Amino acid sequence: MRSAVTPELFATDRAIELAAQGVPFRQAYRQVAEELGSLPPRAPEESLRARVSPGAPGDLGLERLQKRLTELG
């Protein structure tokens, strides 16, 4: 897997970072397109850890769902 990971796969990570810093999302994507050749290498694990949101594989929220089901039952 690591050999298949190239810098352009982290372009979204960089755009999200810029947007979190206040750069408008579309502008962030344009900036990343210009920086693509100079994006620093990242570990795939770092990228995966950054993508945790409720309902995503990193945080399914099963405990909350179980609690809701128990309360309904």
Protein backbone atom coordinates (compact mmCIF):
# COMPACT_ATOMS: atom_id res chain seq x y z
CA MET A 1 0.00 0.00 0.00
CA ARG A 2 2.74 2.45 0.90
CA SER A 3 4.34 2.24 -2.55
CA ALA A 4 0.99 3.17 -4.13
CA VAL A 5 0.61 6.31 -2.00
CA THR A 6 1.82 9.36 -3.89
CA PRO A 7 1.89 13.02 -2.79
CA GLU A 8 -1.20 13.95 -4.81
CA LEU A 9 -3.24 11.60 -2.64
CA PHE A 10 -2.67 14.04 0.21
CA ALA A 11 -3.93 17.08 -1.71
CA THR A 12 -7.30 16.87 0.03
CA ASP A 13 -5.58 16.76 3.42
CA ARG A 14 -3.74 19.97 2.59
CA ALA A 15 -6.89 21.68 1.28
CA ILE A 16 -8.77 20.79 4.45
CA GLU A 17 -5.92 22.15 6.57
CA LEU A 18 -5.98 25.43 4.66
CA ALA A 19 -9.76 25.69 4.98
CA ALA A 20 -9.48 25.07 8.73
CA GLN A 21 -7.06 28.03 8.83
CA GLY A 22 -9.71 30.24 7.23
CA VAL A 23 -8.85 29.97 3.54
CA PRO A 24 -12.07 29.66 1.48
CA PHE A 25 -12.45 26.04 0.35
CA ARG A 26 -12.30 26.72 -3.40
CA GLN A 27 -9.28 28.94 -2.97
CA ALA A 28 -7.62 26.26 -0.84
CA TYR A 29 -8.06 23.69 -3.61
CA ARG A 30 -6.59 26.10 -6.17
CA GLN A 31 -3.63 26.78 -3.88
CA VAL A 32 -3.04 23.06 -3.39
CA ALA A 33 -3.11 22.52 -7.15
CA GLU A 34 -0.27 25.04 -7.42
CA GLU A 35 1.64 23.39 -4.51
CA LEU A 36 1.11 19.82 -5.70
CA GLY A 37 4.70 19.29 -6.80
CA SER A 38 6.06 20.49 -3.47
CA LEU A 39 3.69 18.84 -0.98
CA PRO A 40 5.70 17.20 1.79
CA PRO A 41 5.44 13.43 2.14
CA ARG A 42 3.04 12.10 4.78
CA ALA A 43 2.39 8.76 6.36
CA PRO A 44 -0.87 7.17 5.18
CA GLU A 45 -1.79 6.56 8.83
CA GLU A 46 -1.63 10.30 9.49
CA SER A 47 -4.11 10.94 6.71
CA LEU A 48 -6.46 8.23 7.95
CA ARG A 49 -6.39 9.53 11.53
CA ALA A 50 -7.36 12.98 10.27
CA ARG A 51 -10.51 11.57 8.68
CA VAL A 52 -12.54 10.68 11.71
CA SER A 53 -16.05 12.03 11.85
CA PRO A 54 -19.26 10.73 13.39
CA GLY A 55 -20.50 7.81 11.37
CA ALA A 56 -17.19 7.27 9.59
CA PRO A 57 -15.30 3.98 10.05
CA GLY A 58 -13.10 5.62 12.68
CA ASP A 59 -16.11 6.61 14.79
CA LEU A 60 -19.22 4.59 14.08
CA GLY A 61 -20.91 5.87 17.22
CA LEU A 62 -22.14 2.40 18.09
CA GLU A 63 -22.38 3.17 21.79
CA ARG A 64 -24.71 6.11 21.12
CA LEU A 65 -26.82 4.02 18.78
CA GLN A 66 -27.05 1.19 21.30
CA LYS A 67 -28.13 3.62 24.00
CA ARG A 68 -30.85 5.08 21.75
CA LEU A 69 -32.12 1.62 20.87
CA THR A 70 -32.19 0.60 24.53
CA GLU A 71 -34.14 3.76 25.43
CA LEU A 72 -36.67 3.05 22.67
CA GLY A 73 -37.09 -0.59 23.63
